Amino acid sequence: MNILIADDNKQITEVLAEYAKKENFVPYVAEDGQKALELFAQHLFAMVLLDVMMPKKDGFEVCREIRRQSNVPIIMITARGEDFERIMGLDIGADDYIVKPFSPAEVMARVRAILRRIESTPENMDKQKLFVMDNLKISLSEFTVSIDEKPVILTKKEIELLWTMATNPNKVFSRDNLLDSVWGYEYYGDSRTVDSHIKRLRAKIDAHVHPNWQIKTVWAVGYKFEVLNEKA
């Protein structure tokens, strides 16, 4: 899952990005409001962390613009913690707010709490079957994959393998992990099944340009979906 972190304080964005990675998010960082909107137009985000005071466009303006097109969860970050800022943020569509200085662990706890609230709603069940990262799009409901909007013809098992790894970016899966996840605990094949499927999957996706991600072999362990340029 992607998370957008918008704040003009580099120290804050670096810390939040590191904590987000530990929660298996792929962080995208914007140093001003205009950049935040540009990134939002380019990627699908599960969560937005939005500072109020930013150059070019403030957090309120960015929040209003996002709300015109999306119901993505937004947590507003304010330095002063004044009542009018919290009220305004909630009135224009923010889901929560947090006051500086804050604990990054608390921010991630707020993120988890919001995602738990929305993930089980009926309208979000179908959305959970769609994964978009950079130029890759996977629909598990339709069993389709595209790169740069061009279809990639994969088998059902290849799509399930790609989905399992891509939705857990940078997480290393052993061959046994992938056998259990994709083929199930009752499957009695060996790890060579995974290797052969990964080989065919790579050949098909490598026919398309994807400079910001790859399926990487982790020697003596297994495989992972590696994000190469997290701010792309």
Protein backbone atom coordinates (compact mmCIF):
# COMPACT_ATOMS: atom_id res chain seq x y z
CA MET A 1 0.00 0.00 0.00
CA ASN A 2 1.14 3.51 -0.78
CA ILE A 3 1.14 6.36 1.73
CA LEU A 4 1.58 10.05 0.87
CA ILE A 5 3.53 12.11 3.42
CA ALA A 6 3.33 15.86 2.79
CA ASP A 7 5.39 18.16 5.02
CA ASP A 8 8.07 20.78 4.34
CA ASN A 9 10.15 19.57 7.30
CA LYS A 10 12.60 17.02 5.88
CA GLN A 11 13.42 15.56 9.29
CA ILE A 12 9.74 14.81 9.92
CA THR A 13 9.17 13.24 6.50
CA GLU A 14 12.26 11.05 6.81
CA VAL A 15 11.19 9.72 10.22
CA LEU A 16 7.59 9.13 9.13
CA ALA A 17 8.77 7.42 5.94
CA GLU A 18 10.93 5.01 7.94
CA TYR A 19 8.08 4.18 10.29
CA ALA A 20 5.74 3.74 7.31
CA LYS A 21 8.13 1.23 5.73
CA LYS A 22 8.06 -0.81 8.94
CA GLU A 23 4.27 -0.99 8.51
CA ASN A 24 4.77 -2.29 4.94
CA PHE A 25 3.72 0.97 3.30
CA VAL A 26 5.49 2.41 0.28
CA PRO A 27 6.04 6.09 1.24
CA TYR A 28 5.88 8.95 -1.24
CA VAL A 29 7.13 12.29 0.09
CA ALA A 30 6.05 15.81 -0.92
CA GLU A 31 7.78 18.90 0.41
CA ASP A 32 4.97 21.28 -0.59
CA GLY A 33 1.27 21.24 -1.36
CA GLN A 34 1.66 21.41 -5.12
CA LYS A 35 3.96 18.37 -5.15
CA ALA A 36 1.48 16.52 -2.93
CA LEU A 37 -1.31 17.03 -5.48
CA GLU A 38 0.98 15.97 -8.33
CA LEU A 39 1.90 12.74 -6.56
CA PHE A 40 -1.74 12.11 -5.66
CA ALA A 41 -2.68 12.37 -9.34
CA GLN A 42 -0.01 9.84 -10.30
CA HIS A 43 -0.48 7.09 -7.71
CA LEU A 44 -3.16 5.27 -5.74
CA PHE A 45 -2.80 5.92 -2.00
CA ALA A 46 -4.25 4.10 0.99
CA MET A 47 -3.52 7.02 3.34
CA VAL A 48 -2.46 10.69 3.24
CA LEU A 49 -0.55 12.47 6.03
CA LEU A 50 -0.94 16.18 5.40
CA ASP A 51 0.81 19.06 7.16
CA VAL A 52 -1.24 22.23 7.49
CA MET A 53 1.54 24.77 6.94
CA MET A 54 3.30 24.08 3.62
CA PRO A 55 4.68 26.20 0.76
CA LYS A 56 2.78 26.79 -2.51
CA LYS A 57 -0.47 25.24 -1.25
CA ASP A 58 -1.34 24.72 2.41
CA GLY A 59 -2.77 21.52 3.80
CA PHE A 60 -6.33 22.82 3.85
CA GLU A 61 -6.22 23.61 0.14
CA VAL A 62 -4.69 20.23 -0.65
CA CYS A 63 -7.30 18.45 1.47
CA ARG A 64 -10.15 20.26 -0.33
CA GLU A 65 -8.71 19.34 -3.73
CA ILE A 66 -8.25 15.68 -2.78
CA ARG A 67 -11.79 15.50 -1.41
CA ARG A 68 -13.18 16.68 -4.75
CA GLN A 69 -11.97 13.43 -6.30
CA SER A 70 -11.32 10.85 -3.57
CA ASN A 71 -12.41 9.52 -0.18
CA VAL A 72 -8.88 8.39 0.71
CA PRO A 73 -8.26 8.68 4.49
CA ILE A 74 -6.48 11.93 5.43
CA ILE A 75 -4.75 12.76 8.71
CA MET A 76 -3.96 16.46 9.12
CA ILE A 77 -0.79 17.47 10.97
CA THR A 78 -0.77 20.85 12.72
CA ALA A 79 2.08 22.58 14.53
CA ARG A 80 0.00 24.78 16.77
CA GLY A 81 -2.86 22.52 17.67
CA GLU A 82 -5.31 25.40 17.77
CA ASP A 83 -8.98 24.50 17.85
CA PHE A 84 -9.86 26.36 14.65
CA GLU A 85 -7.28 24.36 12.68
CA ARG A 86 -8.55 21.04 13.97
CA ILE A 87 -12.18 22.02 13.35
CA MET A 88 -11.46 23.34 9.86
CA GLY A 89 -9.52 20.21 8.94
CA LEU A 90 -12.35 17.94 10.03
CA ASP A 91 -14.98 20.15 8.39
CA ILE A 92 -13.30 20.00 4.98
CA GLY A 93 -13.01 16.23 5.07
CA ALA A 94 -10.00 15.13 7.11
CA ASP A 95 -10.50 11.87 9.02
CA ASP A 96 -8.23 12.73 11.93
CA TYR A 97 -5.61 15.21 13.09
CA ILE A 98 -2.44 15.08 15.11
CA VAL A 99 -0.50 17.86 16.81
CA LYS A 100 3.26 18.51 16.58
CA PRO A 101 5.43 17.48 18.27
CA PHE A 102 4.19 13.92 17.98
CA SER A 103 5.40 10.37 18.32
CA PRO A 104 5.81 8.65 14.92
CA ALA A 105 4.55 5.46 16.55
CA GLU A 106 1.35 7.28 17.53
CA VAL A 107 0.90 8.48 13.94
CA MET A 108 1.17 4.91 12.67
CA ALA A 109 -1.28 3.77 15.34
CA ARG A 110 -3.77 6.38 14.08
CA VAL A 111 -3.18 5.17 10.52
CA ARG A 112 -3.84 1.55 11.49
CA ALA A 113 -6.98 2.50 13.41
CA ILE A 114 -8.46 4.40 10.45
CA LEU A 115 -7.65 1.64 7.98
CA ARG A 116 -9.24 -0.96 10.27
CA ARG A 117 -12.43 1.10 10.38
CA ILE A 118 -12.78 1.37 6.63
CA GLU A 119 -11.37 -1.92 5.36
CA SER A 120 -14.43 -4.01 6.23
CA THR A 121 -17.06 -1.73 4.65
CA PRO A 122 -18.81 -3.31 1.63
CA GLU A 123 -17.81 -0.53 -0.77
CA ASN A 124 -14.16 -1.10 0.06
CA MET A 125 -14.15 -4.86 -0.35
CA ASP A 126 -13.97 -4.56 -4.14
CA LYS A 127 -11.30 -1.84 -3.91
CA GLN A 128 -9.11 -4.19 -1.94
CA LYS A 129 -9.00 -6.42 -5.02
CA LEU A 130 -7.25 -3.67 -7.02
CA PHE A 131 -3.56 -2.88 -6.58
CA VAL A 132 -1.86 0.05 -8.31
CA MET A 133 1.81 0.91 -7.85
CA ASP A 134 3.69 3.14 -10.27
CA ASN A 135 2.89 1.77 -13.77
CA LEU A 136 1.64 -1.61 -12.50
CA LYS A 137 -2.05 -2.40 -12.06
CA ILE A 138 -3.36 -5.75 -10.78
CA SER A 139 -7.07 -6.58 -10.55
CA LEU A 140 -7.64 -9.71 -8.51
CA SER A 141 -11.39 -9.58 -9.12
CA GLU A 142 -10.91 -9.65 -12.90
CA PHE A 143 -7.56 -11.49 -12.88
CA THR A 144 -5.92 -8.92 -15.12
CA VAL A 145 -2.51 -7.24 -15.02
CA SER A 146 -1.33 -4.21 -16.95
CA ILE A 147 1.91 -2.21 -17.15
CA ASP A 148 1.62 1.31 -18.53
CA GLU A 149 -2.02 0.44 -19.29
CA LYS A 150 -0.87 -2.38 -21.62
CA PRO A 151 -2.24 -5.84 -20.73
CA VAL A 152 0.18 -8.51 -19.56
CA ILE A 153 -1.15 -11.99 -20.23
CA LEU A 154 -0.51 -14.11 -17.13
CA THR A 155 -1.91 -17.36 -15.78
CA LYS A 156 -4.03 -17.40 -12.66
CA LYS A 157 -1.16 -18.66 -10.51
CA GLU A 158 1.23 -16.06 -11.95
CA ILE A 159 -1.23 -13.30 -11.10
CA GLU A 160 -1.66 -14.65 -7.57
CA LEU A 161 2.12 -14.81 -7.13
CA LEU A 162 2.53 -11.22 -8.35
CA TRP A 163 -0.36 -10.03 -6.16
CA THR A 164 1.05 -11.73 -3.04
CA MET A 165 4.45 -10.11 -3.45
CA ALA A 166 3.39 -6.71 -4.83
CA THR A 167 0.89 -6.06 -2.03
CA ASN A 168 3.74 -6.67 0.42
CA PRO A 169 6.49 -4.54 -1.15
CA ASN A 170 10.07 -5.28 -0.11
CA LYS A 171 8.98 -8.23 2.03
CA VAL A 172 11.04 -11.36 1.41
CA PHE A 173 9.00 -14.53 0.82
CA SER A 174 10.56 -17.94 1.12
CA ARG A 175 9.56 -20.53 -1.46
CA ASP A 176 7.55 -22.32 1.21
CA ASN A 177 5.76 -19.06 2.07
CA LEU A 178 4.72 -18.67 -1.55
CA LEU A 179 3.67 -22.31 -1.85
CA ASP A 180 1.43 -21.90 1.19
CA SER A 181 0.03 -18.53 0.07
CA VAL A 182 -0.66 -19.34 -3.57
CA TRP A 183 -1.04 -23.12 -3.78
CA GLY A 184 -2.32 -23.72 -0.25
CA TYR A 185 -1.27 -25.89 2.66
CA GLU A 186 -2.62 -29.03 1.01
CA TYR A 187 -0.28 -28.75 -1.96
CA TYR A 188 2.42 -31.42 -1.96
CA GLY A 189 4.68 -30.02 -4.67
CA ASP A 190 8.20 -28.75 -4.04
CA SER A 191 9.90 -25.38 -4.23
CA ARG A 192 10.85 -25.88 -7.87
CA THR A 193 7.21 -25.15 -8.68
CA VAL A 194 7.68 -21.63 -7.35
CA ASP A 195 10.95 -21.16 -9.22
CA SER A 196 9.46 -22.17 -12.55
CA HIS A 197 6.44 -19.91 -12.11
CA ILE A 198 8.63 -16.97 -11.08
CA LYS A 199 10.82 -17.52 -14.14
CA ARG A 200 7.83 -17.40 -16.48
CA LEU A 201 6.31 -14.44 -14.62
CA ARG A 202 9.56 -12.46 -14.90
CA ALA A 203 9.86 -13.18 -18.62
CA LYS A 204 6.38 -11.81 -19.23
CA ILE A 205 6.64 -8.64 -17.12
CA ASP A 206 10.20 -7.91 -18.26
CA ALA A 207 8.87 -7.50 -21.78
CA HIS A 208 7.56 -4.17 -20.43
CA VAL A 209 9.51 -1.26 -18.97
CA HIS A 210 9.25 -1.01 -15.17
CA PRO A 211 12.27 0.95 -13.84
CA ASN A 212 10.82 1.58 -10.37
CA TRP A 213 10.16 -2.01 -9.30
CA GLN A 214 11.25 -5.58 -9.93
CA ILE A 215 10.86 -9.15 -8.74
CA LYS A 216 14.18 -9.83 -7.05
CA THR A 217 15.74 -13.13 -6.07
CA VAL A 218 17.05 -13.09 -2.50
CA TRP A 219 19.85 -15.63 -2.56
CA ALA A 220 19.27 -18.75 -0.43
CA VAL A 221 15.94 -17.34 0.82
CA GLY A 222 13.35 -16.66 -1.87
CA TYR A 223 11.85 -13.70 -3.68
CA LYS A 224 10.52 -10.21 -3.09
CA PHE A 225 8.76 -7.42 -4.96
CA GLU A 226 11.40 -4.71 -4.68
CA VAL A 227 10.51 -1.03 -4.98
CA LEU A 228 13.53 0.64 -6.53
CA ASN A 229 12.43 4.27 -6.49
CA GLU A 230 9.98 4.95 -3.68
CA LYS A 231 9.66 8.66 -4.48
CA ALA A 232 9.08 8.13 -8.19
